[in-house]
Every structure is written in C-alpha cells, then in structure tokens.
Amino acid sequence: MQYLQGASSGTVVAGGNGPGTNTSQLWLPFGFTLDLSTNSLIIANYAANNVVRWVIGATGWTLLAGSATGASGSSSTLLNNPVGVALDQYKNLYVADAANHRIQYFLAGQSSATTIAGISGSPGISATQLNRPYGILLDSQLNLYVADNSNNRVQIFVHYSTMATTSTTSTTTTTTTTATLLNPPAIIQWLFDGDFSDVYGTYNGSLVNNSNVTWMSPGYA
C-alpha cells in the first residue's frame, strides 16, 4: 500500500489479487526496498519463496531470485521463506533467506547466489551462524546488519567478512553469548519519500511510519 502524506487511506501498488504465484499476485510479502532508479519495489515474497521486482504502476512482477513457481530449496538458485531484502549501489541483491538460516548475495542480473552470512541449513548462535534471519540493512560501507530473529539479536557482518558481532546498546560483544537482547528483532528496513518528510517501513509484517518509529543509529538496538 502507498499512503501519501496526510492521507488516511492507501493505494495498492503491488499485489492485491489474492495469494498465489502468478505474476499479478504476492504471497505473504514481508521485507521490501525501493529502487529509485527504476521506480520499483524489490519485495521478499515469503510464501512464494522468491524475490520480485514490481515497477510502481505495473500490473505484475518480474523475478529477481528464487523460483517463479513457489518451489523452496537450499541450492544456490532457490530460497526458503525469504524475509528481508537489500540492494546496493551496484544493484546487487542481498536476501535474508530465513528458513535456510543464511544471507544470500545475488550479483546484479544473476539467478545463482553466494552465501555471505550464516550456514545453510545450520541454525546456531556462533559468530558464523544465524537462526531465521529477518530484516537486513546495508550501511554506506556495505557492512551488513542482520536481525537474527530466533537468536534475539542484531548482527553486523563487516564487508568481506562472514563472522559477525552483536550490535547492542552502547557495547559490542561477540556472538558466542546467548543474551536475550531483543524480543525478537523484526524488519529493519525503511523507505523515505522524496523530501524525507515521511518514513515507511515494516515491523513484524505491519506497516509503520514516522508517527510510531524511533530512529536508532548503527550500534544501538
């Protein structure tokens, strides 16, 4: 849904045709990001096990990652309940592949991914593991922040590293601890409108905006 500033009702910009795997449908969409260069939404299509691009104003999506038919899997070309997505300045795609406990990296235009965080099919609490990662966020240095949902923590993976540290309030600790920091972290992505007067995002699948968002700088959770 798109809510213009000051509006009390929204406009459907993607999906709205019931759940399914047809190109006019979405199926439990979770995380998303806005690609301003193409005026499109990049959507983690959770139950369809794919990530799609939906140009605003279009009647359907094009496939970016995963299966067009909804098949799940753990190979380099498949996803299993993707939740979070991020796009870098080179149009490379990052996907929080929740049920595979990993972050997948797709070079722009490629359908086969590399696992850059977590261990496929192996949930855990070590510095190299994740447990149902949800939201993801890239900073300007391409460091990757991961809402490690079932581990109740936010992880930061430094660019070119597959070992993380836990982002906590005012301190940074190694991820070998099991301290419950969040309950649980959810989507950590936000969309900004053209003049930055409104902020939109998702929290546990619900749309939120700047009336109920508290800004947290990197290093705080």
Protein backbone atom coordinates (compact mmCIF):
# COMPACT_ATOMS: atom_id res chain seq x y z
CA MET A 1 0.00 0.00 0.00
CA GLN A 2 1.09 3.56 -0.71
CA TYR A 3 -0.02 6.25 1.70
CA LEU A 4 0.51 9.81 0.54
CA GLN A 5 1.44 12.37 3.16
CA GLY A 6 -1.59 13.23 5.26
CA ALA A 7 -3.80 10.57 3.68
CA SER A 8 -5.87 8.18 5.79
CA SER A 9 -6.33 5.58 3.06
CA GLY A 10 -3.83 3.90 0.79
CA THR A 11 -3.50 2.78 -2.80
CA VAL A 12 -2.46 -0.71 -3.81
CA VAL A 13 0.82 -0.56 -5.73
CA ALA A 14 1.68 -4.27 -5.76
CA GLY A 15 -0.40 -7.41 -5.40
CA GLY A 16 -3.96 -7.17 -4.16
CA ASN A 17 -5.14 -10.11 -6.25
CA GLY A 18 -5.16 -12.76 -3.56
CA PRO A 19 -2.28 -15.02 -2.53
CA GLY A 20 -0.52 -17.04 -5.19
CA THR A 21 2.41 -17.42 -7.54
CA ASN A 22 1.00 -15.72 -10.63
CA THR A 23 2.85 -12.58 -11.71
CA SER A 24 -0.13 -10.45 -10.65
CA GLN A 25 -0.05 -11.88 -7.11
CA LEU A 26 2.06 -11.76 -3.98
CA TRP A 27 2.03 -14.34 -1.20
CA LEU A 28 2.78 -13.09 2.29
CA PRO A 29 5.16 -10.29 1.25
CA PHE A 30 7.48 -9.25 4.07
CA GLY A 31 10.54 -7.07 3.61
CA PHE A 32 10.90 -4.68 0.71
CA THR A 33 13.10 -1.89 -0.52
CA LEU A 34 12.62 0.86 -3.08
CA ASP A 35 14.79 1.05 -6.18
CA LEU A 36 14.52 4.72 -7.06
CA SER A 37 16.38 4.32 -10.35
CA THR A 38 13.60 2.12 -11.73
CA ASN A 39 10.71 3.37 -9.57
CA SER A 40 10.12 -0.16 -8.40
CA LEU A 41 9.72 -2.18 -5.23
CA ILE A 42 12.01 -5.12 -4.53
CA ILE A 43 9.84 -7.49 -2.49
CA ALA A 44 10.63 -10.55 -0.40
CA ASN A 45 7.72 -12.77 -1.39
CA TYR A 46 7.81 -15.00 1.69
CA ALA A 47 5.38 -17.85 0.96
CA ALA A 48 6.22 -17.90 -2.76
CA ASN A 49 9.92 -18.39 -1.92
CA ASN A 50 11.16 -15.69 -4.26
CA VAL A 51 12.17 -12.06 -4.55
CA VAL A 52 10.45 -9.99 -7.20
CA ARG A 53 10.63 -6.55 -8.76
CA TRP A 54 7.33 -4.69 -9.07
CA VAL A 55 7.51 -1.44 -11.00
CA ILE A 56 5.08 1.00 -9.43
CA GLY A 57 2.12 1.29 -11.77
CA ALA A 58 2.70 -2.11 -13.37
CA THR A 59 0.24 -4.99 -13.19
CA GLY A 60 2.77 -7.68 -12.34
CA TRP A 61 6.25 -8.58 -11.18
CA THR A 62 9.44 -9.85 -12.71
CA LEU A 63 11.52 -12.47 -10.93
CA LEU A 64 14.85 -11.49 -9.36
CA ALA A 65 15.67 -14.52 -7.21
CA GLY A 66 14.21 -17.86 -6.26
CA SER A 67 11.55 -19.90 -8.02
CA ALA A 68 8.80 -18.43 -10.19
CA THR A 69 6.53 -21.34 -9.25
CA GLY A 70 6.91 -21.14 -5.47
CA ALA A 71 9.33 -24.03 -5.04
CA SER A 72 11.54 -23.85 -1.96
CA GLY A 73 15.02 -25.23 -1.51
CA SER A 74 18.55 -24.67 -0.29
CA SER A 75 20.51 -24.65 -3.55
CA SER A 76 22.21 -21.50 -4.84
CA THR A 77 19.20 -20.72 -7.07
CA LEU A 78 16.43 -21.36 -4.54
CA LEU A 79 15.13 -19.66 -1.40
CA ASN A 80 13.09 -20.85 1.57
CA ASN A 81 10.89 -18.17 3.16
CA PRO A 82 12.83 -15.02 2.24
CA VAL A 83 12.02 -12.18 4.62
CA GLY A 84 14.42 -9.26 4.20
CA VAL A 85 15.96 -7.70 1.11
CA ALA A 86 18.55 -5.02 0.42
CA LEU A 87 20.02 -3.55 -2.74
CA ASP A 88 23.44 -1.93 -3.01
CA GLN A 89 24.52 0.87 -5.34
CA TYR A 90 25.64 -1.68 -7.92
CA LYS A 91 22.17 -3.31 -8.00
CA ASN A 92 23.46 -6.44 -6.28
CA LEU A 93 20.74 -8.12 -4.23
CA TYR A 94 21.00 -9.34 -0.62
CA VAL A 95 18.32 -11.69 0.72
CA ALA A 96 17.61 -12.87 4.26
CA ASP A 97 16.74 -16.49 3.49
CA ALA A 98 15.06 -17.19 6.81
CA ALA A 99 14.28 -20.90 6.75
CA ASN A 100 17.74 -21.66 5.34
CA HIS A 101 19.37 -19.56 8.11
CA ARG A 102 21.56 -17.63 5.68
CA ILE A 103 22.04 -14.38 3.78
CA GLN A 104 22.24 -14.82 0.02
CA TYR A 105 24.09 -12.48 -2.32
CA PHE A 106 22.99 -12.23 -5.95
CA LEU A 107 25.15 -10.29 -8.37
CA ALA A 108 23.05 -7.93 -10.48
CA GLY A 109 21.19 -9.89 -13.12
CA GLN A 110 22.28 -13.29 -11.81
CA SER A 111 19.97 -16.07 -10.59
CA SER A 112 22.59 -18.02 -8.62
CA ALA A 113 23.67 -16.73 -5.22
CA THR A 114 26.60 -16.92 -2.87
CA THR A 115 26.03 -17.39 0.87
CA ILE A 116 27.74 -14.46 2.59
CA ALA A 117 26.44 -14.91 6.15
CA GLY A 118 25.16 -17.86 8.11
CA ILE A 119 25.49 -21.53 7.26
CA SER A 120 22.83 -23.03 5.02
CA GLY A 121 20.59 -25.40 6.95
CA SER A 122 22.57 -24.99 10.17
CA PRO A 123 20.97 -22.61 12.70
CA GLY A 124 23.09 -21.62 15.68
CA ILE A 125 24.46 -18.89 17.92
CA SER A 126 28.11 -18.77 16.89
CA ALA A 127 29.64 -15.79 15.10
CA THR A 128 29.27 -17.57 11.76
CA GLN A 129 25.69 -18.74 12.26
CA LEU A 130 22.19 -17.27 12.11
CA ASN A 131 18.78 -18.55 13.17
CA ARG A 132 15.93 -17.37 10.94
CA PRO A 133 17.36 -14.01 9.87
CA TYR A 134 14.67 -11.46 9.09
CA GLY A 135 15.49 -7.84 8.31
CA ILE A 136 18.74 -6.75 6.70
CA LEU A 137 20.31 -3.35 6.17
CA LEU A 138 23.45 -2.13 4.40
CA ASP A 139 25.39 0.93 5.51
CA SER A 140 27.46 3.18 3.25
CA GLN A 141 30.50 0.91 3.66
CA LEU A 142 28.45 -2.16 2.64
CA ASN A 143 28.58 -3.57 6.15
CA LEU A 144 25.57 -5.80 6.64
CA TYR A 145 23.23 -5.58 9.65
CA VAL A 146 21.04 -8.64 10.22
CA ALA A 147 18.02 -9.00 12.50
CA ASP A 148 18.81 -12.53 13.71
CA ASN A 149 15.24 -13.23 14.74
CA SER A 150 15.31 -16.53 16.62
CA ASN A 151 18.60 -15.63 18.32
CA ASN A 152 17.09 -12.38 19.62
CA ARG A 153 19.99 -10.23 18.44
CA VAL A 154 21.12 -7.90 15.68
CA GLN A 155 24.34 -8.94 13.95
CA ILE A 156 26.78 -6.84 11.95
CA PHE A 157 28.87 -8.54 9.29
CA VAL A 158 31.75 -6.32 8.22
CA HIS A 159 32.17 -6.10 4.46
CA TYR A 160 34.03 -9.17 3.14
CA SER A 161 33.63 -10.97 6.48
CA THR A 162 31.46 -13.99 7.33
CA MET A 163 31.91 -13.56 11.10
CA ALA A 164 29.65 -11.17 12.99
CA THR A 165 29.49 -9.16 16.17
CA THR A 166 26.32 -8.37 18.07
CA SER A 167 25.03 -4.82 17.92
CA THR A 168 23.76 -3.89 21.40
CA THR A 169 23.04 -0.75 23.35
CA SER A 170 26.37 1.11 23.75
CA THR A 171 28.51 -2.06 23.59
CA THR A 172 29.70 -4.57 21.05
CA THR A 173 30.12 -8.17 22.15
CA THR A 174 30.99 -11.40 20.42
CA THR A 175 28.12 -13.53 19.24
CA THR A 176 29.09 -16.57 21.30
CA THR A 177 26.86 -15.31 24.09
CA THR A 178 23.17 -16.16 24.31
CA ALA A 179 21.92 -12.99 25.95
CA THR A 180 18.37 -12.04 25.00
CA LEU A 181 18.76 -8.54 23.63
CA LEU A 182 15.59 -8.10 21.60
CA ASN A 183 12.20 -9.75 21.66
CA PRO A 184 12.60 -10.52 18.78
CA PRO A 185 14.11 -8.17 16.18
CA ALA A 186 11.98 -7.76 13.11
CA ILE A 187 12.31 -5.91 9.84
CA ILE A 188 14.98 -3.20 9.95
CA GLN A 189 14.33 -1.51 6.62
CA TRP A 190 12.81 1.87 5.92
CA LEU A 191 11.60 3.76 2.89
CA PHE A 192 11.87 7.53 2.65
CA ASP A 193 9.65 9.62 0.43
CA GLY A 194 11.10 12.23 -1.91
CA ASP A 195 11.51 15.03 0.62
CA PHE A 196 12.20 12.77 3.64
CA SER A 197 9.09 14.08 5.41
CA ASP A 198 7.67 10.59 5.83
CA VAL A 199 9.29 7.33 6.77
CA TYR A 200 7.72 3.97 5.97
CA GLY A 201 8.75 0.50 6.98
CA THR A 202 7.53 -2.82 8.25
CA TYR A 203 7.65 -4.26 11.74
CA ASN A 204 6.62 -7.89 12.14
CA GLY A 205 4.68 -7.65 8.88
CA SER A 206 2.79 -4.43 9.76
CA LEU A 207 3.30 -1.08 8.06
CA VAL A 208 4.65 1.65 10.33
CA ASN A 209 5.57 5.25 9.63
CA ASN A 210 7.19 8.18 11.35
CA SER A 211 4.35 8.52 13.85
CA ASN A 212 5.49 5.34 15.60
CA VAL A 213 9.13 4.91 14.62
CA THR A 214 12.05 5.74 16.89
CA TRP A 215 15.27 6.33 14.94
CA MET A 216 18.20 4.20 16.09
CA SER A 217 21.65 4.85 14.75
CA PRO A 218 24.02 1.93 13.96
CA GLY A 219 25.29 0.33 17.14
CA TYR A 220 22.01 0.61 19.00
CA ALA A 221 19.26 -1.95 19.30
